N, C-alpha and C. Protein backbone atom coordinates (compact mmCIF):
# COMPACT_ATOMS: atom_id res chain seq x y z
N MET A 1 0.84 -1.20 0.00
CA MET A 1 0.00 0.00 0.00
C MET A 1 0.88 1.25 0.00
N SER A 2 0.52 2.23 -0.79
CA SER A 2 1.27 3.48 -0.87
C SER A 2 1.13 4.27 0.44
N PRO A 3 2.06 5.18 0.71
CA PRO A 3 1.90 6.05 1.88
C PRO A 3 0.57 6.79 1.83
N GLN A 4 0.01 7.06 3.01
CA GLN A 4 -1.28 7.72 3.11
C GLN A 4 -1.16 9.00 3.92
N LEU A 5 -1.77 10.08 3.42
CA LEU A 5 -1.85 11.32 4.20
C LEU A 5 -2.87 11.08 5.31
N GLU A 6 -2.39 10.96 6.53
CA GLU A 6 -3.24 10.51 7.64
C GLU A 6 -3.99 11.64 8.31
N ALA A 7 -3.34 12.81 8.49
CA ALA A 7 -3.98 13.90 9.23
C ALA A 7 -3.24 15.20 8.98
N VAL A 8 -3.96 16.29 9.21
CA VAL A 8 -3.35 17.62 9.29
C VAL A 8 -3.20 17.91 10.78
N ILE A 9 -2.00 18.15 11.25
CA ILE A 9 -1.77 18.29 12.69
C ILE A 9 -1.49 19.74 13.11
N GLY A 10 -1.49 20.65 12.17
CA GLY A 10 -1.32 22.06 12.48
C GLY A 10 -1.32 22.88 11.22
N ARG A 11 -1.72 24.14 11.34
CA ARG A 11 -1.69 25.05 10.20
C ARG A 11 -1.64 26.49 10.69
N ASN A 12 -1.03 27.36 9.88
CA ASN A 12 -1.09 28.78 10.21
C ASN A 12 -0.95 29.63 8.96
N ILE A 13 -1.36 30.88 9.10
CA ILE A 13 -1.10 31.91 8.10
C ILE A 13 -0.15 32.91 8.75
N THR A 14 0.94 33.22 8.06
CA THR A 14 1.94 34.15 8.59
C THR A 14 2.07 35.35 7.65
N ILE A 15 2.09 36.53 8.24
CA ILE A 15 2.26 37.77 7.48
C ILE A 15 3.51 38.47 8.00
N VAL A 16 4.37 38.92 7.09
CA VAL A 16 5.67 39.51 7.45
C VAL A 16 5.69 40.98 7.03
N TYR A 17 6.26 41.83 7.89
CA TYR A 17 6.31 43.28 7.65
C TYR A 17 7.76 43.78 7.70
N ASP A 18 7.97 44.96 7.13
CA ASP A 18 9.31 45.55 7.22
C ASP A 18 9.62 45.98 8.64
N ALA A 19 8.58 46.32 9.40
CA ALA A 19 8.73 46.72 10.80
C ALA A 19 7.40 46.49 11.50
N LEU A 20 7.45 46.25 12.80
CA LEU A 20 6.21 46.04 13.54
C LEU A 20 6.44 46.51 14.97
N ASP A 21 5.76 47.60 15.34
CA ASP A 21 5.84 48.16 16.68
C ASP A 21 4.64 47.66 17.49
N LEU A 22 4.90 46.86 18.52
CA LEU A 22 3.81 46.29 19.31
C LEU A 22 2.96 47.36 19.98
N GLN A 23 3.54 48.53 20.21
CA GLN A 23 2.78 49.59 20.87
C GLN A 23 1.66 50.14 19.98
N THR A 24 1.73 49.87 18.68
CA THR A 24 0.67 50.36 17.79
C THR A 24 -0.54 49.44 17.76
N ILE A 25 -0.45 48.27 18.39
CA ILE A 25 -1.55 47.31 18.38
C ILE A 25 -2.58 47.68 19.43
N ASP A 26 -3.82 47.85 19.01
CA ASP A 26 -4.93 48.14 19.92
C ASP A 26 -5.35 46.83 20.59
N ARG A 27 -5.01 46.68 21.88
CA ARG A 27 -5.32 45.43 22.59
C ARG A 27 -6.82 45.18 22.68
N ASN A 28 -7.61 46.23 22.82
CA ASN A 28 -9.06 46.04 22.90
C ASN A 28 -9.62 45.48 21.60
N LYS A 29 -9.12 45.97 20.47
CA LYS A 29 -9.58 45.42 19.19
C LYS A 29 -9.11 43.98 19.02
N LEU A 30 -7.94 43.68 19.55
CA LEU A 30 -7.46 42.29 19.50
C LEU A 30 -8.35 41.40 20.34
N ARG A 31 -8.80 41.90 21.49
CA ARG A 31 -9.71 41.12 22.34
C ARG A 31 -11.06 40.87 21.66
N ASN A 32 -11.48 41.82 20.84
CA ASN A 32 -12.79 41.71 20.19
C ASN A 32 -12.72 41.09 18.80
N LEU A 33 -11.62 40.46 18.50
CA LEU A 33 -11.42 39.89 17.17
C LEU A 33 -12.46 38.82 16.86
N ALA A 34 -12.78 37.98 17.85
CA ALA A 34 -13.80 36.93 17.70
C ALA A 34 -14.96 37.26 18.63
N VAL A 35 -16.14 37.45 18.07
CA VAL A 35 -17.28 37.92 18.86
C VAL A 35 -17.76 36.87 19.86
N ASP A 36 -17.44 35.60 19.63
CA ASP A 36 -17.95 34.53 20.49
C ASP A 36 -16.90 34.03 21.47
N SER A 37 -15.85 34.83 21.74
CA SER A 37 -14.77 34.37 22.59
C SER A 37 -14.23 35.51 23.44
N GLN A 38 -13.86 35.17 24.67
CA GLN A 38 -13.16 36.10 25.55
C GLN A 38 -11.72 35.64 25.63
N PRO A 39 -10.84 36.26 24.88
CA PRO A 39 -9.47 35.74 24.78
C PRO A 39 -8.62 36.05 26.01
N THR A 40 -7.56 35.27 26.14
CA THR A 40 -6.51 35.54 27.10
C THR A 40 -5.36 36.20 26.35
N ILE A 41 -4.92 37.37 26.82
CA ILE A 41 -3.84 38.11 26.17
C ILE A 41 -2.58 38.01 27.02
N MET A 42 -1.51 37.52 26.41
CA MET A 42 -0.19 37.50 27.06
C MET A 42 0.67 38.54 26.37
N ASP A 43 1.05 39.55 27.13
CA ASP A 43 1.70 40.74 26.55
C ASP A 43 3.10 40.88 27.12
N THR A 44 4.11 40.77 26.26
CA THR A 44 5.49 40.96 26.68
C THR A 44 6.13 42.02 25.78
N PRO A 45 7.31 42.53 26.12
CA PRO A 45 7.96 43.52 25.26
C PRO A 45 8.30 42.99 23.87
N GLU A 46 8.45 41.66 23.73
CA GLU A 46 8.84 41.08 22.44
C GLU A 46 7.67 40.53 21.63
N MET A 47 6.56 40.17 22.30
CA MET A 47 5.49 39.47 21.58
C MET A 47 4.16 39.61 22.31
N ILE A 48 3.09 39.66 21.54
CA ILE A 48 1.72 39.56 22.06
C ILE A 48 1.15 38.23 21.58
N VAL A 49 0.57 37.48 22.52
CA VAL A 49 -0.10 36.23 22.18
C VAL A 49 -1.53 36.31 22.68
N ALA A 50 -2.50 36.09 21.80
CA ALA A 50 -3.91 36.10 22.16
C ALA A 50 -4.50 34.73 21.86
N VAL A 51 -5.06 34.08 22.89
CA VAL A 51 -5.64 32.75 22.77
C VAL A 51 -7.15 32.87 22.88
N TYR A 52 -7.87 32.23 21.95
CA TYR A 52 -9.32 32.43 21.83
C TYR A 52 -10.06 31.12 22.10
N PRO A 53 -10.44 30.84 23.37
CA PRO A 53 -11.23 29.64 23.64
C PRO A 53 -12.68 29.85 23.19
N PRO A 54 -13.45 28.75 23.00
CA PRO A 54 -13.06 27.35 23.25
C PRO A 54 -12.28 26.72 22.10
N ASN A 55 -12.25 27.37 20.93
CA ASN A 55 -11.44 26.83 19.83
C ASN A 55 -9.96 27.05 20.15
N PRO A 56 -9.12 26.06 19.87
CA PRO A 56 -7.71 26.18 20.25
C PRO A 56 -6.88 26.96 19.24
N TRP A 57 -7.36 28.14 18.81
CA TRP A 57 -6.58 28.94 17.88
C TRP A 57 -6.02 30.15 18.61
N PHE A 58 -4.92 30.68 18.10
CA PHE A 58 -4.31 31.81 18.77
C PHE A 58 -3.55 32.66 17.76
N VAL A 59 -3.30 33.89 18.17
CA VAL A 59 -2.59 34.89 17.36
C VAL A 59 -1.28 35.21 18.06
N GLN A 60 -0.20 35.26 17.29
CA GLN A 60 1.09 35.74 17.77
C GLN A 60 1.47 36.98 16.97
N VAL A 61 1.84 38.04 17.66
CA VAL A 61 2.31 39.26 17.01
C VAL A 61 3.68 39.58 17.57
N GLY A 62 4.70 39.59 16.72
CA GLY A 62 6.05 39.88 17.16
C GLY A 62 7.06 39.44 16.12
N ASP A 63 8.31 39.85 16.28
CA ASP A 63 9.37 39.49 15.35
C ASP A 63 8.99 39.89 13.92
N ARG A 64 8.35 41.05 13.77
CA ARG A 64 7.90 41.59 12.47
C ARG A 64 6.87 40.69 11.79
N ARG A 65 6.20 39.84 12.55
CA ARG A 65 5.26 38.88 11.97
C ARG A 65 3.95 38.81 12.74
N ILE A 66 2.89 38.52 11.99
CA ILE A 66 1.62 38.08 12.58
C ILE A 66 1.45 36.62 12.18
N ARG A 67 1.15 35.79 13.17
CA ARG A 67 0.88 34.37 12.89
C ARG A 67 -0.49 34.03 13.45
N ILE A 68 -1.35 33.49 12.59
CA ILE A 68 -2.67 33.01 13.00
C ILE A 68 -2.59 31.49 12.99
N ASN A 69 -2.69 30.86 14.16
CA ASN A 69 -2.39 29.44 14.31
C ASN A 69 -3.61 28.62 14.72
N LEU A 70 -3.72 27.43 14.16
CA LEU A 70 -4.72 26.45 14.59
C LEU A 70 -4.00 25.12 14.78
N PRO A 71 -3.56 24.82 16.02
CA PRO A 71 -2.72 23.64 16.26
C PRO A 71 -3.52 22.41 16.67
N ILE A 72 -4.49 22.00 15.85
CA ILE A 72 -5.27 20.82 16.18
C ILE A 72 -5.10 19.77 15.09
N GLU A 73 -5.33 18.50 15.46
CA GLU A 73 -5.23 17.41 14.50
C GLU A 73 -6.60 17.09 13.93
N THR A 74 -6.71 17.09 12.62
CA THR A 74 -7.96 16.77 11.94
C THR A 74 -7.65 15.90 10.72
N PRO A 75 -8.62 15.09 10.26
CA PRO A 75 -8.37 14.25 9.09
C PRO A 75 -8.15 15.05 7.81
N GLU A 76 -8.75 16.24 7.74
CA GLU A 76 -8.62 17.10 6.56
C GLU A 76 -8.28 18.52 7.01
N LEU A 77 -8.05 19.41 6.03
CA LEU A 77 -7.66 20.77 6.37
C LEU A 77 -8.76 21.49 7.14
N GLY A 78 -10.01 21.30 6.75
CA GLY A 78 -11.13 21.94 7.44
C GLY A 78 -11.40 23.35 6.94
N GLU A 79 -12.45 23.95 7.52
CA GLU A 79 -12.92 25.26 7.06
C GLU A 79 -12.75 26.35 8.11
N PHE A 80 -11.94 26.10 9.14
CA PHE A 80 -11.78 27.14 10.15
C PHE A 80 -11.20 28.40 9.49
N PRO A 81 -11.84 29.57 9.69
CA PRO A 81 -11.50 30.76 8.88
C PRO A 81 -10.26 31.51 9.34
N LEU A 82 -9.11 30.86 9.29
CA LEU A 82 -7.87 31.56 9.62
C LEU A 82 -7.68 32.80 8.76
N TRP A 83 -8.10 32.71 7.50
CA TRP A 83 -7.93 33.82 6.56
C TRP A 83 -8.68 35.08 7.02
N GLU A 84 -9.88 34.90 7.59
CA GLU A 84 -10.65 36.04 8.07
C GLU A 84 -9.93 36.75 9.21
N TYR A 85 -9.39 35.96 10.13
CA TYR A 85 -8.69 36.55 11.26
C TYR A 85 -7.36 37.17 10.84
N ALA A 86 -6.71 36.57 9.84
CA ALA A 86 -5.48 37.17 9.33
C ALA A 86 -5.75 38.57 8.78
N ILE A 87 -6.83 38.71 8.04
CA ILE A 87 -7.21 40.03 7.50
C ILE A 87 -7.49 41.01 8.63
N LYS A 88 -8.23 40.56 9.65
CA LYS A 88 -8.61 41.44 10.76
C LYS A 88 -7.39 41.91 11.55
N VAL A 89 -6.46 40.99 11.83
CA VAL A 89 -5.27 41.39 12.60
C VAL A 89 -4.39 42.31 11.76
N ASN A 90 -4.28 42.02 10.47
CA ASN A 90 -3.50 42.89 9.59
C ASN A 90 -4.04 44.32 9.61
N GLU A 91 -5.35 44.46 9.73
CA GLU A 91 -5.97 45.78 9.73
C GLU A 91 -5.71 46.55 11.03
N LEU A 92 -5.20 45.87 12.06
CA LEU A 92 -4.87 46.55 13.31
C LEU A 92 -3.56 47.34 13.21
N LEU A 93 -2.76 47.05 12.18
CA LEU A 93 -1.46 47.71 12.05
C LEU A 93 -1.58 48.97 11.19
N PRO A 94 -0.99 50.07 11.61
CA PRO A 94 -0.99 51.28 10.78
C PRO A 94 -0.13 51.07 9.54
N PRO A 95 -0.71 51.17 8.33
CA PRO A 95 0.05 50.88 7.12
C PRO A 95 1.25 51.77 6.89
N GLU A 96 1.24 52.96 7.47
CA GLU A 96 2.38 53.86 7.29
C GLU A 96 3.57 53.45 8.15
N LYS A 97 3.35 52.58 9.13
CA LYS A 97 4.43 52.13 10.00
C LYS A 97 4.81 50.67 9.79
N SER A 98 3.91 49.89 9.22
CA SER A 98 4.17 48.46 8.99
C SER A 98 3.79 48.11 7.56
N VAL A 99 4.81 48.01 6.70
CA VAL A 99 4.57 47.69 5.29
C VAL A 99 4.71 46.18 5.09
N LEU A 100 3.68 45.58 4.51
CA LEU A 100 3.70 44.14 4.25
C LEU A 100 4.76 43.81 3.20
N ILE A 101 5.60 42.82 3.50
CA ILE A 101 6.62 42.40 2.53
C ILE A 101 6.48 40.95 2.10
N ALA A 102 5.73 40.13 2.88
CA ALA A 102 5.57 38.72 2.52
C ALA A 102 4.43 38.12 3.32
N TYR A 103 3.89 37.04 2.81
CA TYR A 103 2.94 36.24 3.60
C TYR A 103 3.03 34.79 3.11
N GLY A 104 2.48 33.90 3.92
CA GLY A 104 2.57 32.50 3.53
C GLY A 104 1.73 31.60 4.41
N TYR A 105 1.74 30.33 4.06
CA TYR A 105 0.94 29.32 4.75
C TYR A 105 1.86 28.19 5.21
N ASN A 106 1.61 27.72 6.43
CA ASN A 106 2.36 26.59 6.97
C ASN A 106 1.39 25.49 7.36
N PHE A 107 1.70 24.29 6.94
CA PHE A 107 0.88 23.12 7.25
C PHE A 107 1.78 22.01 7.78
N ASP A 108 1.40 21.40 8.88
CA ASP A 108 2.08 20.21 9.37
C ASP A 108 1.15 19.02 9.17
N VAL A 109 1.64 17.99 8.49
CA VAL A 109 0.82 16.83 8.19
C VAL A 109 1.51 15.57 8.67
N SER A 110 0.70 14.54 8.88
CA SER A 110 1.20 13.22 9.25
C SER A 110 0.96 12.27 8.09
N VAL A 111 2.00 11.51 7.73
CA VAL A 111 1.91 10.52 6.65
C VAL A 111 2.15 9.14 7.26
N ARG A 112 1.33 8.18 6.88
CA ARG A 112 1.45 6.81 7.39
C ARG A 112 2.03 5.89 6.32
N PHE A 113 2.93 5.00 6.74
CA PHE A 113 3.56 4.02 5.85
C PHE A 113 3.23 2.62 6.35
N ASP A 114 2.78 1.75 5.44
CA ASP A 114 2.41 0.40 5.82
C ASP A 114 3.31 -0.66 5.20
N GLU A 115 4.18 -0.28 4.28
CA GLU A 115 5.12 -1.24 3.68
C GLU A 115 6.54 -0.87 4.10
N ASN A 116 7.27 -0.16 3.28
CA ASN A 116 8.57 0.34 3.70
C ASN A 116 8.40 1.33 4.85
N THR A 117 9.39 1.38 5.74
CA THR A 117 9.30 2.33 6.84
C THR A 117 9.51 3.75 6.33
N ALA A 118 9.12 4.71 7.16
CA ALA A 118 9.29 6.12 6.80
C ALA A 118 10.75 6.43 6.48
N GLN A 119 11.67 5.92 7.30
CA GLN A 119 13.08 6.20 7.06
C GLN A 119 13.59 5.51 5.81
N GLU A 120 13.12 4.30 5.52
CA GLU A 120 13.54 3.61 4.31
C GLU A 120 13.14 4.38 3.06
N VAL A 121 11.94 4.97 3.10
CA VAL A 121 11.48 5.75 1.95
C VAL A 121 12.40 6.94 1.73
N LEU A 122 12.77 7.64 2.80
CA LEU A 122 13.67 8.79 2.67
C LEU A 122 15.06 8.35 2.22
N ASN A 123 15.54 7.24 2.76
CA ASN A 123 16.85 6.74 2.35
C ASN A 123 16.88 6.44 0.86
N ASN A 124 15.81 5.80 0.37
CA ASN A 124 15.75 5.46 -1.05
C ASN A 124 15.70 6.70 -1.92
N LYS A 125 15.09 7.77 -1.39
CA LYS A 125 14.95 9.01 -2.16
C LYS A 125 16.24 9.84 -2.17
N PHE A 126 16.91 9.88 -1.04
CA PHE A 126 17.96 10.88 -0.87
C PHE A 126 19.37 10.31 -0.72
N ILE A 127 19.52 9.03 -0.44
CA ILE A 127 20.85 8.48 -0.18
C ILE A 127 21.26 7.54 -1.30
N LYS A 128 22.35 7.87 -1.94
CA LYS A 128 22.86 7.05 -3.04
C LYS A 128 23.62 5.83 -2.54
N ASP A 129 24.42 6.02 -1.49
CA ASP A 129 25.26 4.92 -0.99
C ASP A 129 25.31 5.01 0.53
N GLN A 130 24.38 4.32 1.19
CA GLN A 130 24.31 4.38 2.65
C GLN A 130 25.56 3.79 3.28
N ALA A 131 26.08 2.70 2.71
CA ALA A 131 27.26 2.06 3.27
C ALA A 131 28.44 3.02 3.30
N GLN A 132 28.60 3.80 2.24
CA GLN A 132 29.70 4.76 2.20
C GLN A 132 29.52 5.83 3.27
N ILE A 133 28.29 6.33 3.42
CA ILE A 133 28.03 7.34 4.45
C ILE A 133 28.34 6.79 5.83
N GLU A 134 27.90 5.55 6.09
CA GLU A 134 28.15 4.95 7.40
C GLU A 134 29.64 4.72 7.63
N ALA A 135 30.36 4.38 6.57
CA ALA A 135 31.81 4.21 6.71
C ALA A 135 32.47 5.54 7.06
N GLU A 136 32.01 6.63 6.43
CA GLU A 136 32.57 7.94 6.72
C GLU A 136 32.20 8.42 8.12
N LEU A 137 31.03 8.00 8.59
CA LEU A 137 30.58 8.37 9.93
C LEU A 137 31.17 7.47 11.01
N CYS A 138 31.67 6.29 10.57
CA CYS A 138 32.11 5.26 11.53
C CYS A 138 30.96 4.88 12.46
N GLY A 139 29.78 4.75 11.89
CA GLY A 139 28.61 4.38 12.68
C GLY A 139 27.43 4.11 11.78
N LYS A 140 26.38 3.55 12.36
CA LYS A 140 25.17 3.21 11.60
C LYS A 140 24.26 4.43 11.50
N LEU A 141 23.81 4.73 10.30
CA LEU A 141 22.89 5.85 10.09
C LEU A 141 21.50 5.46 10.60
N ILE A 142 21.02 6.15 11.60
CA ILE A 142 19.71 5.86 12.19
C ILE A 142 18.61 6.66 11.50
N SER A 143 18.83 7.96 11.34
CA SER A 143 17.81 8.79 10.71
C SER A 143 18.43 10.11 10.26
N PHE A 144 17.72 10.79 9.39
CA PHE A 144 18.07 12.15 9.02
C PHE A 144 16.81 12.84 8.53
N MET A 145 16.82 14.17 8.52
CA MET A 145 15.62 14.94 8.17
C MET A 145 15.93 15.83 6.97
N PRO A 146 15.68 15.36 5.76
CA PRO A 146 15.96 16.18 4.58
C PRO A 146 14.97 17.34 4.45
N ARG A 147 15.41 18.36 3.71
CA ARG A 147 14.61 19.55 3.48
C ARG A 147 14.72 19.93 2.01
N LEU A 148 13.59 20.23 1.40
CA LEU A 148 13.55 20.67 0.01
C LEU A 148 13.01 22.09 -0.05
N VAL A 149 13.76 23.00 -0.66
CA VAL A 149 13.29 24.36 -0.91
C VAL A 149 13.34 24.58 -2.42
N PHE A 150 12.21 24.98 -3.01
CA PHE A 150 12.16 25.14 -4.45
C PHE A 150 11.22 26.27 -4.83
N GLN A 151 11.39 26.76 -6.04
CA GLN A 151 10.63 27.90 -6.55
C GLN A 151 9.76 27.46 -7.71
N SER A 152 8.51 27.93 -7.72
CA SER A 152 7.61 27.71 -8.85
C SER A 152 6.88 29.01 -9.11
N GLU A 153 7.15 29.62 -10.28
CA GLU A 153 6.63 30.94 -10.60
C GLU A 153 7.09 31.91 -9.51
N ASP A 154 6.15 32.61 -8.84
CA ASP A 154 6.55 33.59 -7.83
C ASP A 154 6.44 33.05 -6.41
N ILE A 155 6.26 31.76 -6.25
CA ILE A 155 6.04 31.17 -4.93
C ILE A 155 7.24 30.29 -4.55
N ARG A 156 7.74 30.49 -3.34
CA ARG A 156 8.80 29.63 -2.84
C ARG A 156 8.20 28.58 -1.92
N TYR A 157 8.60 27.33 -2.13
CA TYR A 157 8.07 26.22 -1.35
C TYR A 157 9.16 25.62 -0.48
N ASP A 158 8.74 25.08 0.66
CA ASP A 158 9.67 24.50 1.62
C ASP A 158 9.01 23.24 2.19
N ILE A 159 9.68 22.10 2.10
CA ILE A 159 9.17 20.85 2.64
C ILE A 159 10.24 20.23 3.53
N ILE A 160 9.88 19.93 4.77
CA ILE A 160 10.82 19.33 5.73
C ILE A 160 10.25 17.99 6.19
N PHE A 161 11.04 16.94 6.05
CA PHE A 161 10.61 15.57 6.38
C PHE A 161 11.18 15.17 7.74
N GLU A 162 10.33 14.65 8.62
CA GLU A 162 10.76 14.24 9.96
C GLU A 162 10.15 12.88 10.31
N PRO A 163 10.88 11.78 10.14
CA PRO A 163 10.36 10.47 10.56
C PRO A 163 10.11 10.45 12.06
N LEU A 164 8.94 9.94 12.46
CA LEU A 164 8.61 9.84 13.88
C LEU A 164 8.83 8.43 14.40
N ASP A 165 8.41 7.44 13.61
CA ASP A 165 8.64 6.03 13.91
C ASP A 165 8.57 5.29 12.58
N ASP A 166 8.57 3.96 12.61
CA ASP A 166 8.59 3.21 11.36
C ASP A 166 7.39 3.53 10.47
N GLN A 167 6.24 3.74 11.07
CA GLN A 167 5.01 3.92 10.29
C GLN A 167 4.61 5.37 10.06
N HIS A 168 5.24 6.31 10.74
CA HIS A 168 4.74 7.68 10.67
C HIS A 168 5.85 8.69 10.39
N MET A 169 5.51 9.67 9.59
CA MET A 169 6.40 10.78 9.28
C MET A 169 5.63 12.09 9.44
N LYS A 170 6.23 13.05 10.11
CA LYS A 170 5.69 14.41 10.15
C LYS A 170 6.36 15.20 9.04
N VAL A 171 5.55 15.94 8.29
CA VAL A 171 6.10 16.75 7.20
C VAL A 171 5.60 18.19 7.36
N HIS A 172 6.54 19.13 7.34
CA HIS A 172 6.19 20.55 7.38
C HIS A 172 6.16 21.08 5.96
N LEU A 173 5.07 21.76 5.61
CA LEU A 173 4.87 22.29 4.27
C LEU A 173 4.68 23.80 4.35
N ASN A 174 5.36 24.53 3.46
CA ASN A 174 5.26 25.99 3.48
C ASN A 174 5.18 26.54 2.07
N SER A 175 4.26 27.49 1.89
CA SER A 175 4.19 28.31 0.67
C SER A 175 4.48 29.75 1.07
N HIS A 176 5.41 30.40 0.35
CA HIS A 176 5.86 31.74 0.74
C HIS A 176 5.72 32.68 -0.46
N PHE A 177 4.98 33.78 -0.25
CA PHE A 177 4.76 34.79 -1.28
C PHE A 177 5.55 36.04 -0.89
N GLU A 178 6.42 36.48 -1.77
CA GLU A 178 7.19 37.70 -1.51
C GLU A 178 7.56 38.35 -2.83
N SER A 179 7.20 39.62 -2.98
CA SER A 179 7.53 40.36 -4.19
C SER A 179 7.39 41.85 -3.90
N LYS A 180 7.98 42.67 -4.73
CA LYS A 180 7.90 44.11 -4.55
C LYS A 180 6.46 44.58 -4.75
N GLY A 181 5.98 45.41 -3.84
CA GLY A 181 4.63 45.94 -3.94
C GLY A 181 3.56 44.93 -3.61
N LEU A 182 3.93 43.88 -2.89
CA LEU A 182 2.97 42.83 -2.54
C LEU A 182 1.85 43.37 -1.67
N SER A 183 0.64 42.88 -1.89
CA SER A 183 -0.49 43.22 -1.04
C SER A 183 -1.24 41.95 -0.67
N LEU A 184 -1.93 42.01 0.44
CA LEU A 184 -2.68 40.86 0.92
C LEU A 184 -4.01 40.78 0.16
N PRO A 185 -4.40 39.58 -0.30
CA PRO A 185 -5.72 39.47 -0.95
C PRO A 185 -6.84 39.78 0.04
N ASP A 186 -8.05 39.97 -0.48
CA ASP A 186 -9.19 40.09 0.42
C ASP A 186 -9.49 38.73 1.04
N SER A 187 -10.48 38.68 1.90
CA SER A 187 -10.75 37.44 2.66
C SER A 187 -11.04 36.26 1.74
N ASP A 188 -11.87 36.46 0.73
CA ASP A 188 -12.19 35.38 -0.20
C ASP A 188 -10.96 34.93 -0.98
N GLY A 189 -10.16 35.90 -1.42
CA GLY A 189 -8.96 35.56 -2.17
C GLY A 189 -7.93 34.85 -1.32
N LEU A 190 -7.81 35.26 -0.05
CA LEU A 190 -6.86 34.62 0.85
C LEU A 190 -7.30 33.19 1.15
N LYS A 191 -8.60 32.99 1.36
CA LYS A 191 -9.12 31.63 1.57
C LYS A 191 -8.83 30.75 0.37
N ARG A 192 -9.12 31.27 -0.81
CA ARG A 192 -8.91 30.49 -2.04
C ARG A 192 -7.43 30.13 -2.20
N SER A 193 -6.55 31.08 -1.97
CA SER A 193 -5.12 30.83 -2.08
C SER A 193 -4.65 29.82 -1.04
N TYR A 194 -5.12 29.95 0.19
CA TYR A 194 -4.78 29.04 1.29
C TYR A 194 -5.17 27.60 0.94
N MET A 195 -6.40 27.42 0.45
CA MET A 195 -6.88 26.09 0.07
C MET A 195 -6.09 25.54 -1.11
N GLN A 196 -5.84 26.37 -2.11
CA GLN A 196 -5.12 25.92 -3.29
C GLN A 196 -3.69 25.51 -2.95
N GLN A 197 -3.05 26.27 -2.08
CA GLN A 197 -1.67 25.93 -1.72
C GLN A 197 -1.59 24.66 -0.90
N PHE A 198 -2.59 24.41 -0.06
CA PHE A 198 -2.61 23.14 0.66
C PHE A 198 -2.71 21.97 -0.32
N GLU A 199 -3.60 22.08 -1.30
CA GLU A 199 -3.73 21.02 -2.30
C GLU A 199 -2.46 20.87 -3.12
N ARG A 200 -1.85 21.98 -3.48
CA ARG A 200 -0.61 21.94 -4.26
C ARG A 200 0.50 21.22 -3.50
N LEU A 201 0.67 21.59 -2.24
CA LEU A 201 1.75 21.03 -1.44
C LEU A 201 1.52 19.55 -1.12
N THR A 202 0.31 19.21 -0.72
CA THR A 202 0.06 17.81 -0.35
C THR A 202 0.10 16.89 -1.56
N SER A 203 -0.39 17.34 -2.71
CA SER A 203 -0.31 16.50 -3.90
C SER A 203 1.14 16.33 -4.35
N THR A 204 1.94 17.39 -4.25
CA THR A 204 3.37 17.30 -4.56
C THR A 204 4.06 16.33 -3.61
N LEU A 205 3.75 16.44 -2.33
CA LEU A 205 4.35 15.57 -1.32
C LEU A 205 4.06 14.10 -1.60
N MET A 206 2.79 13.77 -1.82
CA MET A 206 2.42 12.37 -2.00
C MET A 206 2.96 11.82 -3.31
N ARG A 207 3.00 12.65 -4.34
CA ARG A 207 3.59 12.22 -5.59
C ARG A 207 5.09 11.94 -5.42
N PHE A 208 5.74 12.79 -4.64
CA PHE A 208 7.18 12.63 -4.39
C PHE A 208 7.46 11.35 -3.60
N LEU A 209 6.63 11.06 -2.60
CA LEU A 209 6.86 9.90 -1.74
C LEU A 209 6.52 8.58 -2.40
N THR A 210 5.64 8.62 -3.39
CA THR A 210 5.19 7.37 -4.02
C THR A 210 5.85 7.07 -5.35
N SER A 211 6.60 8.03 -5.89
CA SER A 211 7.21 7.83 -7.21
C SER A 211 8.49 7.02 -7.11
């Protein structure tokens, strides 16, 4: 049986700015971001973190970035509107002080292997002569975590492979948009792009692992 995409174990939308002053963030507007939630705000000189129960999603603002995170495991990507909240948090920043320079999507997925182990699949893909490597190391190669960074049109992609055990591999997937004069799409456009990039990355991943 071919490897199977078992679950999505985390996802976020990240927006990057040339500068980001935390003092310009209206904490009250951040608290009112979700009408059905009373968030907990953790405020430090380096970062603001807002957690919105009962859904386990949260916002991080700091290091010139806004990150909208949903760290839950689900069989599929789901319809939780990270894109809507990304737009809302972006609107809290004064555009004259924080110019958008990049944005992107991060997905963590779990892949299950029922024939060859996760590490064997990576070895077959990336290692030409394991015996030679082990001779140079003077030891047995147990595992390694390869990373692929590649460009397609104006989008940079990043895939990081992490074997967890014989049957499971965690894979980090990233789509990164960066260009001069870049602007954030509206909510519908951001949702569409987010969904399309998840399909692009996961189909590329599974094709790569099964070929």
